[in-house]
Amino acid sequence: MHPRPRDIGFAIAACAALGAYNNVINRHPWHHRRYVVLNFRATGAALSAAAASGLTAADLGFNRVTWRHGRLGAGLAAGVAAGWLLLAVVPAARPVLNDKRITILDERAVPTRL
């Protein structure tokens, strides 16, 4: 199956918009206070743009086959999050989270952006 020109155009526009979002808006100091709200709005805008360009839910990976993989990934992520929460809640495990070695690293040794 060959991609439609509309799909290619949407992919290019989405990459440009997300690149601008990550490199321009993310640099403003007010961005960190509104991080969650801005990301929800960016997600809504991306889904709206996809729908307006004629992409279906299956084109975006929201069909029964890929939904199963997403549930598996979400379950694994929830398990990892539960493990970290358990470490934070159990007083005997808190020393694991209190590793001071990171405080001696300089700016070059710690990646600030992924």
PDB file of N, CA and C in Angstrom:
ATOM      1  N   MET A   1       0.843  -1.180   0.000  1.00  0.00           N
ATOM      2  CA  MET A   1       0.000   0.000   0.000  1.00  0.00           C
ATOM      3  C   MET A   1       0.888   1.243   0.000  1.00  0.00           C
ATOM      4  N   HIS A   2       0.660   2.110  -0.932  1.00  0.00           N
ATOM      5  CA  HIS A   2       1.438   3.340  -1.047  1.00  0.00           C
ATOM      6  C   HIS A   2       0.756   4.466  -0.292  1.00  0.00           C
ATOM      7  N   PRO A   3       1.533   5.307   0.370  1.00  0.00           N
ATOM      8  CA  PRO A   3       0.918   6.425   1.105  1.00  0.00           C
ATOM      9  C   PRO A   3       0.298   7.430   0.140  1.00  0.00           C
ATOM     10  N   ARG A   4      -0.816   7.969   0.567  1.00  0.00           N
ATOM     11  CA  ARG A   4      -1.483   9.001  -0.228  1.00  0.00           C
ATOM     12  C   ARG A   4      -0.738  10.308  -0.050  1.00  0.00           C
ATOM     13  N   PRO A   5      -0.775  11.187  -1.070  1.00  0.00           N
ATOM     14  CA  PRO A   5      -0.110  12.487  -0.927  1.00  0.00           C
ATOM     15  C   PRO A   5      -0.611  13.267   0.284  1.00  0.00           C
ATOM     16  N   ARG A   6      -1.890  13.107   0.605  1.00  0.00           N
ATOM     17  CA  ARG A   6      -2.451  13.798   1.774  1.00  0.00           C
ATOM     18  C   ARG A   6      -1.786  13.318   3.061  1.00  0.00           C
ATOM     19  N   ASP A   7      -1.511  12.010   3.135  1.00  0.00           N
ATOM     20  CA  ASP A   7      -0.845  11.459   4.318  1.00  0.00           C
ATOM     21  C   ASP A   7       0.572  12.007   4.455  1.00  0.00           C
ATOM     22  N   ILE A   8       1.274  12.098   3.327  1.00  0.00           N
ATOM     23  CA  ILE A   8       2.636  12.624   3.355  1.00  0.00           C
ATOM     24  C   ILE A   8       2.627  14.088   3.777  1.00  0.00           C
ATOM     25  N   GLY A   9       1.695  14.855   3.234  1.00  0.00           N
ATOM     26  CA  GLY A   9       1.578  16.263   3.617  1.00  0.00           C
ATOM     27  C   GLY A   9       1.262  16.425   5.093  1.00  0.00           C
ATOM     28  N   PHE A  10       0.361  15.577   5.600  1.00  0.00           N
ATOM     29  CA  PHE A  10       0.030  15.646   7.023  1.00  0.00           C
ATOM     30  C   PHE A  10       1.244  15.309   7.872  1.00  0.00           C
ATOM     31  N   ALA A  11       2.005  14.284   7.477  1.00  0.00           N
ATOM     32  CA  ALA A  11       3.180  13.891   8.248  1.00  0.00           C
ATOM     33  C   ALA A  11       4.216  15.016   8.276  1.00  0.00           C
ATOM     34  N   ILE A  12       4.421  15.676   7.153  1.00  0.00           N
ATOM     35  CA  ILE A  12       5.389  16.778   7.099  1.00  0.00           C
ATOM     36  C   ILE A  12       4.920  17.945   7.964  1.00  0.00           C
ATOM     37  N   ALA A  13       3.630  18.292   7.850  1.00  0.00           N
ATOM     38  CA  ALA A  13       3.090  19.397   8.649  1.00  0.00           C
ATOM     39  C   ALA A  13       3.140  19.069  10.143  1.00  0.00           C
ATOM     40  N   ALA A  14       2.831  17.822  10.502  1.00  0.00           N
ATOM     41  CA  ALA A  14       2.860  17.424  11.913  1.00  0.00           C
ATOM     42  C   ALA A  14       4.280  17.490  12.460  1.00  0.00           C
ATOM     43  N   CYS A  15       5.256  17.039  11.678  1.00  0.00           N
ATOM     44  CA  CYS A  15       6.659  17.117  12.124  1.00  0.00           C
ATOM     45  C   CYS A  15       7.093  18.563  12.310  1.00  0.00           C
ATOM     46  N   ALA A  16       6.688  19.434  11.391  1.00  0.00           N
ATOM     47  CA  ALA A  16       7.053  20.849  11.515  1.00  0.00           C
ATOM     48  C   ALA A  16       6.404  21.472  12.749  1.00  0.00           C
ATOM     49  N   ALA A  17       5.128  21.171  12.972  1.00  0.00           N
ATOM     50  CA  ALA A  17       4.431  21.741  14.125  1.00  0.00           C
ATOM     51  C   ALA A  17       5.014  21.228  15.437  1.00  0.00           C
ATOM     52  N   LEU A  18       5.282  19.934  15.521  1.00  0.00           N
ATOM     53  CA  LEU A  18       5.848  19.385  16.752  1.00  0.00           C
ATOM     54  C   LEU A  18       7.277  19.864  16.972  1.00  0.00           C
ATOM     55  N   GLY A  19       8.023  20.039  15.903  1.00  0.00           N
ATOM     56  CA  GLY A  19       9.369  20.586  16.031  1.00  0.00           C
ATOM     57  C   GLY A  19       9.340  22.008  16.569  1.00  0.00           C
ATOM     58  N   ALA A  20       8.412  22.814  16.049  1.00  0.00           N
ATOM     59  CA  ALA A  20       8.267  24.188  16.550  1.00  0.00           C
ATOM     60  C   ALA A  20       7.818  24.183  18.005  1.00  0.00           C
ATOM     61  N   TYR A  21       6.890  23.312  18.336  1.00  0.00           N
ATOM     62  CA  TYR A  21       6.397  23.226  19.710  1.00  0.00           C
ATOM     63  C   TYR A  21       7.540  22.882  20.667  1.00  0.00           C
ATOM     64  N   ASN A  22       8.327  21.869  20.305  1.00  0.00           N
ATOM     65  CA  ASN A  22       9.400  21.423  21.199  1.00  0.00           C
ATOM     66  C   ASN A  22      10.559  22.401  21.276  1.00  0.00           C
ATOM     67  N   ASN A  23      10.841  23.110  20.211  1.00  0.00           N
ATOM     68  CA  ASN A  23      12.033  23.956  20.182  1.00  0.00           C
ATOM     69  C   ASN A  23      11.754  25.424  20.438  1.00  0.00           C
ATOM     70  N   VAL A  24      10.536  25.871  20.276  1.00  0.00           N
ATOM     71  CA  VAL A  24      10.223  27.287  20.476  1.00  0.00           C
ATOM     72  C   VAL A  24       9.422  27.486  21.754  1.00  0.00           C
ATOM     73  N   ILE A  25       8.284  26.860  21.841  1.00  0.00           N
ATOM     74  CA  ILE A  25       7.407  27.056  22.997  1.00  0.00           C
ATOM     75  C   ILE A  25       8.044  26.504  24.269  1.00  0.00           C
ATOM     76  N   ASN A  26       8.750  25.401  24.144  1.00  0.00           N
ATOM     77  CA  ASN A  26       9.364  24.770  25.313  1.00  0.00           C
ATOM     78  C   ASN A  26      10.443  25.644  25.943  1.00  0.00           C
ATOM     79  N   ARG A  27      10.962  26.612  25.244  1.00  0.00           N
ATOM     80  CA  ARG A  27      12.016  27.480  25.770  1.00  0.00           C
ATOM     81  C   ARG A  27      11.490  28.588  26.687  1.00  0.00           C
ATOM     82  N   HIS A  28      10.199  28.870  26.645  1.00  0.00           N
ATOM     83  CA  HIS A  28       9.632  29.945  27.455  1.00  0.00           C
ATOM     84  C   HIS A  28       9.467  29.493  28.903  1.00  0.00           C
ATOM     85  N   PRO A  29       9.755  30.367  29.855  1.00  0.00           N
ATOM     86  CA  PRO A  29       9.656  29.970  31.264  1.00  0.00           C
ATOM     87  C   PRO A  29       8.227  29.644  31.699  1.00  0.00           C
ATOM     88  N   TRP A  30       7.232  30.247  31.079  1.00  0.00           N
ATOM     89  CA  TRP A  30       5.847  29.962  31.461  1.00  0.00           C
ATOM     90  C   TRP A  30       5.402  28.585  31.011  1.00  0.00           C
ATOM     91  N   HIS A  31       6.128  27.962  30.103  1.00  0.00           N
ATOM     92  CA  HIS A  31       5.734  26.656  29.576  1.00  0.00           C
ATOM     93  C   HIS A  31       5.685  25.591  30.668  1.00  0.00           C
ATOM     94  N   HIS A  32       6.601  25.638  31.622  1.00  0.00           N
ATOM     95  CA  HIS A  32       6.666  24.606  32.648  1.00  0.00           C
ATOM     96  C   HIS A  32       5.477  24.660  33.601  1.00  0.00           C
ATOM     97  N   ARG A  33       4.910  25.842  33.793  1.00  0.00           N
ATOM     98  CA  ARG A  33       3.735  25.951  34.666  1.00  0.00           C
ATOM     99  C   ARG A  33       2.496  25.384  33.989  1.00  0.00           C
ATOM    100  N   ARG A  34       2.463  25.407  32.681  1.00  0.00           N
ATOM    101  CA  ARG A  34       1.283  24.956  31.930  1.00  0.00           C
ATOM    102  C   ARG A  34       1.571  23.723  31.084  1.00  0.00           C
ATOM    103  N   TYR A  35       2.529  22.937  31.494  1.00  0.00           N
ATOM    104  CA  TYR A  35       3.013  21.807  30.712  1.00  0.00           C
ATOM    105  C   TYR A  35       1.896  20.813  30.370  1.00  0.00           C
ATOM    106  N   VAL A  36       1.136  20.382  31.360  1.00  0.00           N
ATOM    107  CA  VAL A  36       0.105  19.368  31.138  1.00  0.00           C
ATOM    108  C   VAL A  36      -0.995  19.916  30.238  1.00  0.00           C
ATOM    109  N   VAL A  37      -1.460  21.116  30.517  1.00  0.00           N
ATOM    110  CA  VAL A  37      -2.530  21.712  29.716  1.00  0.00           C
ATOM    111  C   VAL A  37      -2.081  21.901  28.271  1.00  0.00           C
ATOM    112  N   LEU A  38      -0.869  22.388  28.066  1.00  0.00           N
ATOM    113  CA  LEU A  38      -0.367  22.589  26.707  1.00  0.00           C
ATOM    114  C   LEU A  38      -0.235  21.272  25.953  1.00  0.00           C
ATOM    115  N   ASN A  39       0.185  20.216  26.642  1.00  0.00           N
ATOM    116  CA  ASN A  39       0.307  18.925  25.968  1.00  0.00           C
ATOM    117  C   ASN A  39      -1.055  18.333  25.622  1.00  0.00           C
ATOM    118  N   PHE A  40      -2.050  18.516  26.482  1.00  0.00           N
ATOM    119  CA  PHE A  40      -3.402  18.070  26.131  1.00  0.00           C
ATOM    120  C   PHE A  40      -3.922  18.834  24.918  1.00  0.00           C
ATOM    121  N   ARG A  41      -3.679  20.114  24.885  1.00  0.00           N
ATOM    122  CA  ARG A  41      -4.122  20.913  23.740  1.00  0.00           C
ATOM    123  C   ARG A  41      -3.368  20.540  22.471  1.00  0.00           C
ATOM    124  N   ALA A  42      -2.085  20.283  22.578  1.00  0.00           N
ATOM    125  CA  ALA A  42      -1.309  19.862  21.409  1.00  0.00           C
ATOM    126  C   ALA A  42      -1.790  18.520  20.884  1.00  0.00           C
ATOM    127  N   THR A  43      -2.129  17.608  21.788  1.00  0.00           N
ATOM    128  CA  THR A  43      -2.670  16.317  21.378  1.00  0.00           C
ATOM    129  C   THR A  43      -4.010  16.495  20.680  1.00  0.00           C
ATOM    130  N   GLY A  44      -4.877  17.324  21.242  1.00  0.00           N
ATOM    131  CA  GLY A  44      -6.164  17.593  20.611  1.00  0.00           C
ATOM    132  C   GLY A  44      -6.011  18.239  19.245  1.00  0.00           C
ATOM    133  N   ALA A  45      -5.068  19.166  19.128  1.00  0.00           N
ATOM    134  CA  ALA A  45      -4.834  19.817  17.840  1.00  0.00           C
ATOM    135  C   ALA A  45      -4.302  18.821  16.817  1.00  0.00           C
ATOM    136  N   ALA A  46      -3.422  17.938  17.234  1.00  0.00           N
ATOM    137  CA  ALA A  46      -2.881  16.938  16.307  1.00  0.00           C
ATOM    138  C   ALA A  46      -3.963  15.974  15.847  1.00  0.00           C
ATOM    139  N   LEU A  47      -4.805  15.522  16.770  1.00  0.00           N
ATOM    140  CA  LEU A  47      -5.892  14.620  16.385  1.00  0.00           C
ATOM    141  C   LEU A  47      -6.927  15.327  15.510  1.00  0.00           C
ATOM    142  N   SER A  48      -7.199  16.578  15.797  1.00  0.00           N
ATOM    143  CA  SER A  48      -8.122  17.344  14.968  1.00  0.00           C
ATOM    144  C   SER A  48      -7.564  17.539  13.562  1.00  0.00           C
ATOM    145  N   ALA A  49      -6.288  17.833  13.468  1.00  0.00           N
ATOM    146  CA  ALA A  49      -5.657  17.996  12.154  1.00  0.00           C
ATOM    147  C   ALA A  49      -5.666  16.689  11.380  1.00  0.00           C
ATOM    148  N   ALA A  50      -5.455  15.582  12.080  1.00  0.00           N
ATOM    149  CA  ALA A  50      -5.487  14.282  11.415  1.00  0.00           C
ATOM    150  C   ALA A  50      -6.888  13.984  10.883  1.00  0.00           C
ATOM    151  N   ALA A  51      -7.900  14.266  11.691  1.00  0.00           N
ATOM    152  CA  ALA A  51      -9.267  14.036  11.247  1.00  0.00           C
ATOM    153  C   ALA A  51      -9.631  14.956  10.087  1.00  0.00           C
ATOM    154  N   ALA A  52      -9.191  16.205  10.145  1.00  0.00           N
ATOM    155  CA  ALA A  52      -9.490  17.148   9.070  1.00  0.00           C
ATOM    156  C   ALA A  52      -8.792  16.766   7.770  1.00  0.00           C
ATOM    157  N   SER A  53      -7.660  16.079   7.863  1.00  0.00           N
ATOM    158  CA  SER A  53      -6.957  15.680   6.648  1.00  0.00           C
ATOM    159  C   SER A  53      -7.515  14.393   6.055  1.00  0.00           C
ATOM    160  N   GLY A  54      -8.500  13.802   6.735  1.00  0.00           N
ATOM    161  CA  GLY A  54      -9.147  12.615   6.193  1.00  0.00           C
ATOM    162  C   GLY A  54      -8.594  11.303   6.711  1.00  0.00           C
ATOM    163  N   LEU A  55      -7.707  11.357   7.672  1.00  0.00           N
ATOM    164  CA  LEU A  55      -7.180  10.113   8.234  1.00  0.00           C
ATOM    165  C   LEU A  55      -8.220   9.471   9.144  1.00  0.00           C
ATOM    166  N   THR A  56      -8.287   8.162   9.094  1.00  0.00           N
ATOM    167  CA  THR A  56      -9.238   7.432   9.937  1.00  0.00           C
ATOM    168  C   THR A  56      -8.541   6.995  11.226  1.00  0.00           C
ATOM    169  N   ALA A  57      -9.322   6.471  12.153  1.00  0.00           N
ATOM    170  CA  ALA A  57      -8.751   5.963  13.403  1.00  0.00           C
ATOM    171  C   ALA A  57      -7.785   4.821  13.119  1.00  0.00           C
ATOM    172  N   ALA A  58      -8.110   3.972  12.146  1.00  0.00           N
ATOM    173  CA  ALA A  58      -7.211   2.869  11.788  1.00  0.00           C
ATOM    174  C   ALA A  58      -5.902   3.404  11.215  1.00  0.00           C
ATOM    175  N   ASP A  59      -5.958   4.502  10.444  1.00  0.00           N
ATOM    176  CA  ASP A  59      -4.730   5.102   9.911  1.00  0.00           C
ATOM    177  C   ASP A  59      -3.825   5.595  11.025  1.00  0.00           C
ATOM    178  N   LEU A  60      -4.407   6.024  12.132  1.00  0.00           N
ATOM    179  CA  LEU A  60      -3.638   6.541  13.263  1.00  0.00           C
ATOM    180  C   LEU A  60      -3.208   5.449  14.241  1.00  0.00           C
ATOM    181  N   GLY A  61      -3.604   4.206  13.949  1.00  0.00           N
ATOM    182  CA  GLY A  61      -3.200   3.096  14.808  1.00  0.00           C
ATOM    183  C   GLY A  61      -4.196   2.775  15.903  1.00  0.00           C
ATOM    184  N   PHE A  62      -5.404   3.308  15.803  1.00  0.00           N
ATOM    185  CA  PHE A  62      -6.437   3.037  16.806  1.00  0.00           C
ATOM    186  C   PHE A  62      -7.411   1.994  16.292  1.00  0.00           C
ATOM    187  N   ASN A  63      -6.919   0.825  15.913  1.00  0.00           N
ATOM    188  CA  ASN A  63      -7.808  -0.263  15.539  1.00  0.00           C
ATOM    189  C   ASN A  63      -7.624  -1.404  16.525  1.00  0.00           C
ATOM    190  N   ARG A  64      -8.391  -2.452  16.367  1.00  0.00           N
ATOM    191  CA  ARG A  64      -8.373  -3.537  17.364  1.00  0.00           C
ATOM    192  C   ARG A  64      -7.004  -4.193  17.503  1.00  0.00           C
ATOM    193  N   VAL A  65      -6.288  -4.365  16.415  1.00  0.00           N
ATOM    194  CA  VAL A  65      -4.992  -5.044  16.475  1.00  0.00           C
ATOM    195  C   VAL A  65      -3.981  -4.205  17.261  1.00  0.00           C
ATOM    196  N   THR A  66      -3.849  -2.934  16.920  1.00  0.00           N
ATOM    197  CA  THR A  66      -2.864  -2.100  17.604  1.00  0.00           C
ATOM    198  C   THR A  66      -3.327  -1.711  18.998  1.00  0.00           C
ATOM    199  N   TRP A  67      -4.620  -1.692  19.237  1.00  0.00           N
ATOM    200  CA  TRP A  67      -5.142  -1.350  20.562  1.00  0.00           C
ATOM    201  C   TRP A  67      -4.694  -2.378  21.588  1.00  0.00           C
ATOM    202  N   ARG A  68      -4.603  -3.662  21.183  1.00  0.00           N
ATOM    203  CA  ARG A  68      -4.136  -4.699  22.107  1.00  0.00           C
ATOM    204  C   ARG A  68      -2.694  -4.434  22.531  1.00  0.00           C
ATOM    205  N   HIS A  69      -1.850  -4.036  21.574  1.00  0.00           N
ATOM    206  CA  HIS A  69      -0.461  -3.734  21.898  1.00  0.00           C
ATOM    207  C   HIS A  69      -0.384  -2.522  22.831  1.00  0.00           C
ATOM    208  N   GLY A  70      -1.227  -1.539  22.604  1.00  0.00           N
ATOM    209  CA  GLY A  70      -1.252  -0.359  23.465  1.00  0.00           C
ATOM    210  C   GLY A  70      -1.653  -0.701  24.889  1.00  0.00           C
ATOM    211  N   ARG A  71      -2.623  -1.591  25.033  1.00  0.00           N
ATOM    212  CA  ARG A  71      -3.028  -2.009  26.381  1.00  0.00           C
ATOM    213  C   ARG A  71      -1.901  -2.749  27.079  1.00  0.00           C
ATOM    214  N   LEU A  72      -1.164  -3.563  26.339  1.00  0.00           N
ATOM    215  CA  LEU A  72      -0.040  -4.275  26.924  1.00  0.00           C
ATOM    216  C   LEU A  72       1.025  -3.280  27.390  1.00  0.00           C
ATOM    217  N   GLY A  73       1.349  -2.313  26.551  1.00  0.00           N
ATOM    218  CA  GLY A  73       2.334  -1.300  26.914  1.00  0.00           C
ATOM    219  C   GLY A  73       1.890  -0.475  28.107  1.00  0.00           C
ATOM    220  N   ALA A  74       0.615  -0.114  28.141  1.00  0.00           N
ATOM    221  CA  ALA A  74       0.092   0.651  29.274  1.00  0.00           C
ATOM    222  C   ALA A  74       0.146  -0.174  30.559  1.00  0.00           C
ATOM    223  N   GLY A  75      -0.141  -1.459  30.447  1.00  0.00           N
ATOM    224  CA  GLY A  75      -0.058  -2.326  31.624  1.00  0.00           C
ATOM    225  C   GLY A  75       1.360  -2.456  32.144  1.00  0.00           C
ATOM    226  N   LEU A  76       2.320  -2.585  31.223  1.00  0.00           N
ATOM    227  CA  LEU A  76       3.719  -2.664  31.646  1.00  0.00           C
ATOM    228  C   LEU A  76       4.177  -1.354  32.281  1.00  0.00           C
ATOM    229  N   ALA A  77       3.772  -0.234  31.703  1.00  0.00           N
ATOM    230  CA  ALA A  77       4.134   1.071  32.266  1.00  0.00           C
ATOM    231  C   ALA A  77       3.502   1.254  33.645  1.00  0.00           C
ATOM    232  N   ALA A  78       2.269   0.792  33.808  1.00  0.00           N
ATOM    233  CA  ALA A  78       1.612   0.889  35.114  1.00  0.00           C
ATOM    234  C   ALA A  78       2.350   0.042  36.153  1.00  0.00           C
ATOM    235  N   GLY A  79       2.849  -1.112  35.735  1.00  0.00           N
ATOM    236  CA  GLY A  79       3.619  -1.950  36.655  1.00  0.00           C
ATOM    237  C   GLY A  79       4.903  -1.273  37.104  1.00  0.00           C
ATOM    238  N   VAL A  80       5.599  -0.631  36.177  1.00  0.00           N
ATOM    239  CA  VAL A  80       6.826   0.087  36.528  1.00  0.00           C
ATOM    240  C   VAL A  80       6.501   1.265  37.453  1.00  0.00           C
ATOM    241  N   ALA A  81       5.433   2.003  37.132  1.00  0.00           N
ATOM    242  CA  ALA A  81       5.037   3.132  37.977  1.00  0.00           C
ATOM    243  C   ALA A  81       4.659   2.656  39.376  1.00  0.00           C
ATOM    244  N   ALA A  82       3.980   1.516  39.464  1.00  0.00           N
ATOM    245  CA  ALA A  82       3.618   0.976  40.779  1.00  0.00           C
ATOM    246  C   ALA A  82       4.868   0.601  41.573  1.00  0.00           C
ATOM    247  N   GLY A  83       5.873   0.077  40.881  1.00  0.00           N
ATOM    248  CA  GLY A  83       7.126  -0.256  41.564  1.00  0.00           C
ATOM    249  C   GLY A  83       7.812   0.973  42.134  1.00  0.00           C
ATOM    250  N   TRP A  84       7.870   2.058  41.351  1.00  0.00           N
ATOM    251  CA  TRP A  84       8.477   3.300  41.842  1.00  0.00           C
ATOM    252  C   TRP A  84       7.664   3.891  42.984  1.00  0.00           C
ATOM    253  N   LEU A  85       6.346   3.813  42.888  1.00  0.00           N
ATOM    254  CA  LEU A  85       5.486   4.314  43.962  1.00  0.00           C
ATOM    255  C   LEU A  85       5.715   3.511  45.237  1.00  0.00           C
ATOM    256  N   LEU A  86       5.856   2.213  45.089  1.00  0.00           N
ATOM    257  CA  LEU A  86       6.130   1.365  46.248  1.00  0.00           C
ATOM    258  C   LEU A  86       7.458   1.744  46.894  1.00  0.00           C
ATOM    259  N   LEU A  87       8.476   2.017  46.071  1.00  0.00           N
ATOM    260  CA  LEU A  87       9.760   2.464  46.619  1.00  0.00           C
ATOM    261  C   LEU A  87       9.618   3.775  47.384  1.00  0.00           C
ATOM    262  N   ALA A  88       8.786   4.667  46.876  1.00  0.00           N
ATOM    263  CA  ALA A  88       8.622   5.966  47.525  1.00  0.00           C
ATOM    264  C   ALA A  88       7.801   5.869  48.808  1.00  0.00           C
ATOM    265  N   VAL A  89       6.885   4.912  48.875  1.00  0.00           N
ATOM    266  CA  VAL A  89       5.978   4.821  50.024  1.00  0.00           C
ATOM    267  C   VAL A  89       6.590   4.022  51.176  1.00  0.00           C
ATOM    268  N   VAL A  90       7.313   2.975  50.866  1.00  0.00           N
ATOM    269  CA  VAL A  90       7.875   2.117  51.915  1.00  0.00           C
ATOM    270  C   VAL A  90       9.117   2.795  52.498  1.00  0.00           C
ATOM    271  N   PRO A  91       9.093   3.149  53.776  1.00  0.00           N
ATOM    272  CA  PRO A  91      10.223   3.865  54.372  1.00  0.00           C
ATOM    273  C   PRO A  91      11.556   3.126  54.267  1.00  0.00           C
ATOM    274  N   ALA A  92      11.550   1.816  54.351  1.00  0.00           N
ATOM    275  CA  ALA A  92      12.800   1.055  54.294  1.00  0.00           C
ATOM    276  C   ALA A  92      13.432   1.103  52.899  1.00  0.00           C
ATOM    277  N   ALA A  93      12.643   1.399  51.874  1.00  0.00           N
ATOM    278  CA  ALA A  93      13.155   1.430  50.499  1.00  0.00           C
ATOM    279  C   ALA A  93      13.581   2.830  50.057  1.00  0.00           C
ATOM    280  N   ARG A  94      13.298   3.835  50.837  1.00  0.00           N
ATOM    281  CA  ARG A  94      13.612   5.209  50.431  1.00  0.00           C
ATOM    282  C   ARG A  94      15.089   5.479  50.195  1.00  0.00           C
ATOM    283  N   PRO A  95      16.011   4.823  50.894  1.00  0.00           N
ATOM    284  CA  PRO A  95      17.425   5.070  50.584  1.00  0.00           C
ATOM    285  C   PRO A  95      17.795   4.753  49.128  1.00  0.00           C
ATOM    286  N   VAL A  96      17.063   3.866  48.485  1.00  0.00           N
ATOM    287  CA  VAL A  96      17.319   3.557  47.083  1.00  0.00           C
ATOM    288  C   VAL A  96      17.105   4.799  46.217  1.00  0.00           C
ATOM    289  N   LEU A  97      16.140   5.619  46.585  1.00  0.00           N
ATOM    290  CA  LEU A  97      15.834   6.825  45.826  1.00  0.00           C
ATOM    291  C   LEU A  97      16.696   8.017  46.234  1.00  0.00           C
ATOM    292  N   ASN A  98      17.450   7.890  47.297  1.00  0.00           N
ATOM    293  CA  ASN A  98      18.226   9.003  47.835  1.00  0.00           C
ATOM    294  C   ASN A  98      19.702   8.877  47.441  1.00  0.00           C
ATOM    295  N   ASP A  99      19.948   8.692  46.162  1.00  0.00           N
ATOM    296  CA  ASP A  99      21.312   8.515  45.663  1.00  0.00           C
ATOM    297  C   ASP A  99      21.927   9.888  45.400  1.00  0.00           C
ATOM    298  N   LYS A 100      22.945  10.244  46.155  1.00  0.00           N
ATOM    299  CA  LYS A 100      23.566  11.573  46.066  1.00  0.00           C
ATOM    300  C   LYS A 100      24.620  11.661  44.967  1.00  0.00           C
ATOM    301  N   ARG A 101      24.933  10.558  44.283  1.00  0.00           N
ATOM    302  CA  ARG A 101      25.980  10.601  43.257  1.00  0.00           C
ATOM    303  C   ARG A 101      25.633  11.565  42.127  1.00  0.00           C
ATOM    304  N   ILE A 102      24.382  11.784  41.865  1.00  0.00           N
ATOM    305  CA  ILE A 102      24.005  12.672  40.766  1.00  0.00           C
ATOM    306  C   ILE A 102      24.338  14.128  41.074  1.00  0.00           C
ATOM    307  N   THR A 103      24.438  14.490  42.324  1.00  0.00           N
ATOM    308  CA  THR A 103      24.720  15.884  42.674  1.00  0.00           C
ATOM    309  C   THR A 103      26.147  16.299  42.334  1.00  0.00           C
ATOM    310  N   ILE A 104      27.057  15.347  42.142  1.00  0.00           N
ATOM    311  CA  ILE A 104      28.432  15.701  41.802  1.00  0.00           C
ATOM    312  C   ILE A 104      28.652  15.831  40.290  1.00  0.00           C
ATOM    313  N   LEU A 105      27.658  15.498  39.484  1.00  0.00           N
ATOM    314  CA  LEU A 105      27.798  15.588  38.034  1.00  0.00           C
ATOM    315  C   LEU A 105      27.670  17.032  37.576  1.00  0.00           C
ATOM    316  N   ASP A 106      28.463  17.401  36.572  1.00  0.00           N
ATOM    317  CA  ASP A 106      28.327  18.752  36.020  1.00  0.00           C
ATOM    318  C   ASP A 106      27.321  18.738  34.878  1.00  0.00           C
ATOM    319  N   GLU A 107      27.081  19.902  34.301  1.00  0.00           N
ATOM    320  CA  GLU A 107      26.046  20.052  33.279  1.00  0.00           C
ATOM    321  C   GLU A 107      26.315  19.209  32.033  1.00  0.00           C
ATOM    322  N   ARG A 108      27.579  19.016  31.684  1.00  0.00           N
ATOM    323  CA  ARG A 108      27.903  18.227  30.491  1.00  0.00           C
ATOM    324  C   ARG A 108      27.604  16.757  30.694  1.00  0.00           C
ATOM    325  N   ALA A 109      27.651  16.264  31.915  1.00  0.00           N
ATOM    326  CA  ALA A 109      27.452  14.855  32.187  1.00  0.00           C
ATOM    327  C   ALA A 109      25.975  14.465  32.320  1.00  0.00           C
ATOM    328  N   VAL A 110      25.104  15.434  32.535  1.00  0.00           N
ATOM    329  CA  VAL A 110      23.684  15.151  32.718  1.00  0.00           C
ATOM    330  C   VAL A 110      22.930  15.664  31.495  1.00  0.00           C
ATOM    331  N   PRO A 111      22.283  14.763  30.734  1.00  0.00           N
ATOM    332  CA  PRO A 111      21.517  15.242  29.564  1.00  0.00           C
ATOM    333  C   PRO A 111      20.290  16.034  30.028  1.00  0.00           C
ATOM    334  N   THR A 112      20.127  17.217  29.481  1.00  0.00           N
ATOM    335  CA  THR A 112      18.986  18.044  29.856  1.00  0.00           C
ATOM    336  C   THR A 112      17.809  17.850  28.922  1.00  0.00           C
ATOM    337  N   ARG A 113      18.063  17.387  27.732  1.00  0.00           N
ATOM    338  CA  ARG A 113      17.000  17.104  26.752  1.00  0.00           C
ATOM    339  C   ARG A 113      17.190  15.704  26.214  1.00  0.00           C
ATOM    340  N   LEU A 114      16.088  15.022  26.039  1.00  0.00           N
ATOM    341  CA  LEU A 114      16.168  13.682  25.453  1.00  0.00           C
ATOM    342  C   LEU A 114      16.048  13.751  23.967  1.00  0.00           C
TER     343      LEU A 114
END
